[in-house]
Amino acid sequence: GQGVLSALKAAGVQGEIIRGGDIAEQALNVISQYLLANPKTACIIGLASAPTEVIPQAVEEAGLSNIPNGGFDLTPKITANIKAGLTTASVDQQPFWQGFLPVLMAAYNKRYGLAPASFNTSNALIDKDKLKFIEKYAGTYR
């Protein structure tokens, strides 16, 4: 969240963090209520899959439109929202690597004494143009 706020600040945009939770229904309620109270919101960035999935629905439920939004993670719902033009983009955090590499490195450290390496698994911004590469793996390997 702090990284998003820092990037917004560098672009001259004021931001704040609202806690939507990890459950889609809860995130939908929190985001919808925030938008009803703050209808001049310029953009929304979800910090996990649940809020990112429901942002377009929250915007609609608040009676608003055309609020650019994006977030983090790729799920079938997020990729569908990107494909439909309801979400601009989402950061592909590549959870397969995030889960697999630590186990692999721990095993290699124990077996061979190799020190763990550091990998950036969150460097891809997925928009409509990049969906064809990841869409079938969203929610599984991506």
Protein backbone atom coordinates (compact mmCIF):
# COMPACT_ATOMS: atom_id res chain seq x y z
CA GLY A 1 0.00 0.00 0.00
CA GLN A 2 2.76 2.42 0.87
CA GLY A 3 4.35 1.82 -2.53
CA VAL A 4 1.11 2.74 -4.29
CA LEU A 5 0.74 5.88 -2.16
CA SER A 6 4.35 6.86 -2.92
CA ALA A 7 3.80 6.42 -6.66
CA LEU A 8 0.60 8.46 -6.55
CA LYS A 9 2.32 11.20 -4.55
CA ALA A 10 5.15 11.33 -7.10
CA ALA A 11 2.50 11.84 -9.79
CA GLY A 12 0.88 14.64 -7.78
CA VAL A 13 -2.14 12.58 -6.79
CA GLN A 14 -3.41 12.34 -3.22
CA GLY A 15 -4.34 8.86 -2.03
CA GLU A 16 -5.47 6.97 1.00
CA ILE A 17 -5.74 3.34 2.02
CA ILE A 18 -9.09 1.85 2.92
CA ARG A 19 -9.14 -1.67 4.31
CA GLY A 20 -11.46 -3.80 2.20
CA GLY A 21 -10.46 -7.18 3.53
CA ASP A 22 -9.72 -10.48 1.83
CA ILE A 23 -13.31 -11.52 1.21
CA ALA A 24 -14.88 -10.25 -2.02
CA GLU A 25 -18.29 -9.46 -0.48
CA GLN A 26 -16.70 -7.48 2.34
CA ALA A 27 -14.41 -5.60 -0.07
CA LEU A 28 -17.40 -4.82 -2.30
CA ASN A 29 -19.29 -3.31 0.62
CA VAL A 30 -16.33 -1.25 1.87
CA ILE A 31 -15.42 0.09 -1.59
CA SER A 32 -19.05 0.85 -2.52
CA GLN A 33 -19.59 2.74 0.74
CA TYR A 34 -16.35 4.67 0.26
CA LEU A 35 -17.38 5.67 -3.27
CA LEU A 36 -20.83 6.77 -2.10
CA ALA A 37 -19.13 9.04 0.45
CA ASN A 38 -16.41 10.14 -2.02
CA PRO A 39 -17.98 10.31 -5.49
CA LYS A 40 -15.14 12.44 -6.88
CA THR A 41 -12.65 9.57 -6.48
CA ALA A 42 -10.27 9.73 -9.47
CA CYS A 43 -8.96 6.15 -9.46
CA ILE A 44 -8.91 2.98 -7.40
CA ILE A 45 -6.07 0.51 -6.89
CA GLY A 46 -6.91 -2.80 -5.21
CA LEU A 47 -4.08 -4.14 -3.08
CA ALA A 48 -5.06 -7.81 -3.37
CA SER A 49 -7.27 -10.04 -5.47
CA ALA A 50 -10.55 -9.63 -3.53
CA PRO A 51 -10.75 -5.83 -3.79
CA THR A 52 -9.34 -5.80 -7.33
CA GLU A 53 -12.01 -8.28 -8.45
CA VAL A 54 -14.93 -6.21 -7.13
CA ILE A 55 -13.89 -2.64 -7.94
CA PRO A 56 -15.93 -2.46 -11.18
CA GLN A 57 -19.03 -3.76 -9.39
CA ALA A 58 -18.50 -1.31 -6.51
CA VAL A 59 -18.24 1.59 -8.97
CA GLU A 60 -21.49 0.49 -10.60
CA GLU A 61 -23.27 0.00 -7.27
CA ALA A 62 -22.23 3.50 -6.21
CA GLY A 63 -23.85 4.85 -9.37
CA LEU A 64 -20.56 6.05 -10.80
CA SER A 65 -18.77 5.30 -14.05
CA ASN A 66 -15.44 5.67 -15.76
CA ILE A 67 -13.24 5.42 -12.67
CA PRO A 68 -9.91 4.01 -13.83
CA ASN A 69 -8.91 1.08 -11.66
CA GLY A 70 -6.36 -1.65 -11.35
CA GLY A 71 -4.66 -3.69 -8.73
CA PHE A 72 -2.55 -6.63 -7.82
CA ASP A 73 -2.98 -10.32 -8.65
CA LEU A 74 -4.57 -12.14 -11.53
CA THR A 75 -7.64 -14.29 -11.10
CA PRO A 76 -10.20 -15.38 -13.68
CA LYS A 77 -12.47 -12.51 -12.49
CA ILE A 78 -9.71 -9.89 -12.74
CA THR A 79 -8.67 -11.05 -16.21
CA ALA A 80 -12.35 -11.01 -17.30
CA ASN A 81 -12.66 -7.44 -16.00
CA ILE A 82 -9.52 -6.42 -17.91
CA LYS A 83 -10.79 -8.12 -21.07
CA ALA A 84 -14.15 -6.35 -20.74
CA GLY A 85 -12.44 -2.97 -20.27
CA LEU A 86 -13.75 -2.65 -16.69
CA THR A 87 -10.26 -2.79 -15.14
CA THR A 88 -7.27 -1.08 -16.72
CA ALA A 89 -4.52 -3.43 -15.55
CA SER A 90 -3.26 -5.55 -12.69
CA VAL A 91 0.22 -6.42 -11.47
CA ASP A 92 1.06 -10.07 -12.05
CA GLN A 93 2.67 -11.13 -8.79
CA GLN A 94 3.29 -14.64 -10.11
CA PRO A 95 2.23 -16.57 -6.98
CA PHE A 96 3.47 -19.84 -8.46
CA TRP A 97 7.03 -18.50 -8.25
CA GLN A 98 6.38 -16.90 -4.87
CA GLY A 99 5.35 -20.28 -3.46
CA PHE A 100 7.63 -22.62 -5.41
CA LEU A 101 10.96 -20.77 -5.29
CA PRO A 102 11.22 -20.52 -1.49
CA VAL A 103 10.61 -24.27 -1.17
CA LEU A 104 13.14 -25.00 -3.91
CA MET A 105 15.72 -22.71 -2.32
CA ALA A 106 15.18 -24.19 1.14
CA ALA A 107 15.66 -27.69 -0.27
CA TYR A 108 18.83 -26.67 -2.17
CA ASN A 109 20.16 -24.91 0.91
CA LYS A 110 19.62 -28.02 3.03
CA ARG A 111 20.94 -30.46 0.40
CA TYR A 112 23.82 -28.50 -1.09
CA GLY A 113 24.41 -25.51 1.17
CA LEU A 114 23.43 -23.09 -1.59
CA ALA A 115 22.36 -19.65 -0.39
CA PRO A 116 18.86 -18.52 -1.37
CA ALA A 117 18.61 -16.16 -4.32
CA SER A 118 16.39 -13.13 -4.70
CA PHE A 119 13.90 -12.95 -7.58
CA ASN A 120 11.53 -10.16 -8.55
CA THR A 121 8.25 -11.95 -9.15
CA SER A 122 6.13 -8.83 -9.42
CA ASN A 123 7.34 -6.94 -12.45
CA ALA A 124 4.63 -7.45 -15.05
CA LEU A 125 1.70 -5.11 -15.51
CA ILE A 126 -1.03 -7.02 -17.32
CA ASP A 127 -3.40 -5.02 -19.50
CA LYS A 128 -5.64 -6.02 -22.44
CA ASP A 129 -2.65 -6.38 -24.76
CA LYS A 130 -0.88 -8.86 -22.48
CA LEU A 131 -3.91 -10.98 -21.52
CA LYS A 132 -3.31 -13.52 -24.26
CA PHE A 133 -0.12 -14.63 -22.52
CA ILE A 134 -1.61 -15.28 -19.10
CA GLU A 135 -5.38 -15.57 -19.32
CA LYS A 136 -5.60 -19.37 -19.29
CA TYR A 137 -3.28 -19.58 -16.27
CA ALA A 138 -4.92 -16.90 -14.10
CA GLY A 139 -5.88 -18.39 -10.77
CA THR A 140 -3.49 -21.33 -11.18
CA TYR A 141 0.12 -20.70 -12.19
CA ARG A 142 -0.31 -16.92 -12.57
